[in-house]
Amino acid sequence: SAADTLDEPVVVAKATMIDVVPKDLQRCE
């Protein structure tokens, strides 16, 4: 369970970064 708890924030962080990057690129354009 501890491993799953640690994996969840990592996946969420990666998903958040992926969502933020395109937004920043759109703002630059």
PDB file of N, CA and C in Angstrom:
ATOM      1  N   SER A   1       0.849  -1.214   0.000  1.00  0.00           N
ATOM      2  CA  SER A   1       0.000   0.000   0.000  1.00  0.00           C
ATOM      3  C   SER A   1       0.877   1.254   0.000  1.00  0.00           C
ATOM      4  N   ALA A   2       1.942   1.203   0.782  1.00  0.00           N
ATOM      5  CA  ALA A   2       2.842   2.373   0.852  1.00  0.00           C
ATOM      6  C   ALA A   2       3.383   2.692  -0.532  1.00  0.00           C
ATOM      7  N   ALA A   3       3.759   1.656  -1.269  1.00  0.00           N
ATOM      8  CA  ALA A   3       4.308   1.874  -2.612  1.00  0.00           C
ATOM      9  C   ALA A   3       3.246   2.515  -3.499  1.00  0.00           C
ATOM     10  N   ASP A   4       2.017   2.029  -3.405  1.00  0.00           N
ATOM     11  CA  ASP A   4       0.939   2.590  -4.233  1.00  0.00           C
ATOM     12  C   ASP A   4       0.728   4.059  -3.883  1.00  0.00           C
ATOM     13  N   THR A   5       0.780   4.372  -2.609  1.00  0.00           N
ATOM     14  CA  THR A   5       0.569   5.758  -2.166  1.00  0.00           C
ATOM     15  C   THR A   5       1.659   6.661  -2.745  1.00  0.00           C
ATOM     16  N   LEU A   6       2.887   6.136  -2.815  1.00  0.00           N
ATOM     17  CA  LEU A   6       3.994   6.941  -3.348  1.00  0.00           C
ATOM     18  C   LEU A   6       3.876   7.075  -4.863  1.00  0.00           C
ATOM     19  N   ASP A   7       3.380   6.022  -5.506  1.00  0.00           N
ATOM     20  CA  ASP A   7       3.255   6.036  -6.975  1.00  0.00           C
ATOM     21  C   ASP A   7       2.180   7.023  -7.420  1.00  0.00           C
ATOM     22  N   GLU A   8       1.099   7.111  -6.678  1.00  0.00           N
ATOM     23  CA  GLU A   8      -0.008   7.984  -7.084  1.00  0.00           C
ATOM     24  C   GLU A   8       0.440   9.441  -7.267  1.00  0.00           C
ATOM     25  N   PRO A   9       1.093  10.053  -6.274  1.00  0.00           N
ATOM     26  CA  PRO A   9       1.535  11.451  -6.427  1.00  0.00           C
ATOM     27  C   PRO A   9       2.488  11.609  -7.602  1.00  0.00           C
ATOM     28  N   VAL A  10       3.315  10.608  -7.850  1.00  0.00           N
ATOM     29  CA  VAL A  10       4.266  10.689  -8.976  1.00  0.00           C
ATOM     30  C   VAL A  10       3.499  10.744 -10.293  1.00  0.00           C
ATOM     31  N   VAL A  11       2.524   9.876 -10.439  1.00  0.00           N
ATOM     32  CA  VAL A  11       1.723   9.843 -11.670  1.00  0.00           C
ATOM     33  C   VAL A  11       0.961  11.155 -11.821  1.00  0.00           C
ATOM     34  N   VAL A  12       0.396  11.626 -10.731  1.00  0.00           N
ATOM     35  CA  VAL A  12      -0.364  12.891 -10.759  1.00  0.00           C
ATOM     36  C   VAL A  12       0.562  14.043 -11.138  1.00  0.00           C
ATOM     37  N   ALA A  13       1.748  14.060 -10.559  1.00  0.00           N
ATOM     38  CA  ALA A  13       2.710  15.127 -10.857  1.00  0.00           C
ATOM     39  C   ALA A  13       3.065  15.096 -12.338  1.00  0.00           C
ATOM     40  N   LYS A  14       3.315  13.903 -12.866  1.00  0.00           N
ATOM     41  CA  LYS A  14       3.666  13.785 -14.290  1.00  0.00           C
ATOM     42  C   LYS A  14       2.504  14.258 -15.150  1.00  0.00           C
ATOM     43  N   ALA A  15       1.304  13.841 -14.800  1.00  0.00           N
ATOM     44  CA  ALA A  15       0.112  14.237 -15.565  1.00  0.00           C
ATOM     45  C   ALA A  15      -0.045  15.748 -15.509  1.00  0.00           C
ATOM     46  N   THR A  16       0.206  16.330 -14.333  1.00  0.00           N
ATOM     47  CA  THR A  16       0.074  17.787 -14.174  1.00  0.00           C
ATOM     48  C   THR A  16       1.106  18.500 -15.052  1.00  0.00           C
ATOM     49  N   MET A  17       2.337  18.015 -15.037  1.00  0.00           N
ATOM     50  CA  MET A  17       3.393  18.642 -15.842  1.00  0.00           C
ATOM     51  C   MET A  17       3.025  18.571 -17.322  1.00  0.00           C
ATOM     52  N   ILE A  18       2.504  17.425 -17.749  1.00  0.00           N
ATOM     53  CA  ILE A  18       2.132  17.254 -19.163  1.00  0.00           C
ATOM     54  C   ILE A  18       1.039  18.256 -19.527  1.00  0.00           C
ATOM     55  N   ASP A  19       0.108  18.475 -18.589  1.00  0.00           N
ATOM     56  CA  ASP A  19      -0.994  19.414 -18.860  1.00  0.00           C
ATOM     57  C   ASP A  19      -0.481  20.854 -18.860  1.00  0.00           C
ATOM     58  N   VAL A  20       0.481  21.144 -17.995  1.00  0.00           N
ATOM     59  CA  VAL A  20       0.986  22.518 -17.864  1.00  0.00           C
ATOM     60  C   VAL A  20       1.851  22.903 -19.062  1.00  0.00           C
ATOM     61  N   VAL A  21       2.646  21.982 -19.557  1.00  0.00           N
ATOM     62  CA  VAL A  21       3.558  22.293 -20.671  1.00  0.00           C
ATOM     63  C   VAL A  21       2.810  22.816 -21.893  1.00  0.00           C
ATOM     64  N   PRO A  22       1.801  22.106 -22.373  1.00  0.00           N
ATOM     65  CA  PRO A  22       1.070  22.591 -23.548  1.00  0.00           C
ATOM     66  C   PRO A  22       0.433  23.959 -23.288  1.00  0.00           C
ATOM     67  N   LYS A  23      -0.047  24.183 -22.088  1.00  0.00           N
ATOM     68  CA  LYS A  23      -0.661  25.476 -21.756  1.00  0.00           C
ATOM     69  C   LYS A  23       0.380  26.583 -21.895  1.00  0.00           C
ATOM     70  N   ASP A  24       1.584  26.336 -21.394  1.00  0.00           N
ATOM     71  CA  ASP A  24       2.655  27.338 -21.481  1.00  0.00           C
ATOM     72  C   ASP A  24       3.019  27.589 -22.945  1.00  0.00           C
ATOM     73  N   LEU A  25       3.048  26.520 -23.733  1.00  0.00           N
ATOM     74  CA  LEU A  25       3.400  26.671 -25.150  1.00  0.00           C
ATOM     75  C   LEU A  25       2.338  27.520 -25.858  1.00  0.00           C
ATOM     76  N   GLN A  26       1.077  27.287 -25.519  1.00  0.00           N
ATOM     77  CA  GLN A  26      -0.004  28.058 -26.136  1.00  0.00           C
ATOM     78  C   GLN A  26       0.126  29.534 -25.754  1.00  0.00           C
ATOM     79  N   ARG A  27       0.501  29.789 -24.503  1.00  0.00           N
ATOM     80  CA  ARG A  27       0.650  31.177 -24.044  1.00  0.00           C
ATOM     81  C   ARG A  27       1.791  31.857 -24.802  1.00  0.00           C
ATOM     82  N   CYS A  28       2.868  31.093 -25.035  1.00  0.00           N
ATOM     83  CA  CYS A  28       4.017  31.669 -25.753  1.00  0.00           C
ATOM     84  C   CYS A  28       3.595  32.055 -27.171  1.00  0.00           C
ATOM     85  N   GLU A  29       2.784  31.217 -27.803  1.00  0.00           N
ATOM     86  CA  GLU A  29       2.332  31.504 -29.172  1.00  0.00           C
ATOM     87  C   GLU A  29       1.426  32.727 -29.140  1.00  0.00           C
TER      88      GLU A  29
END
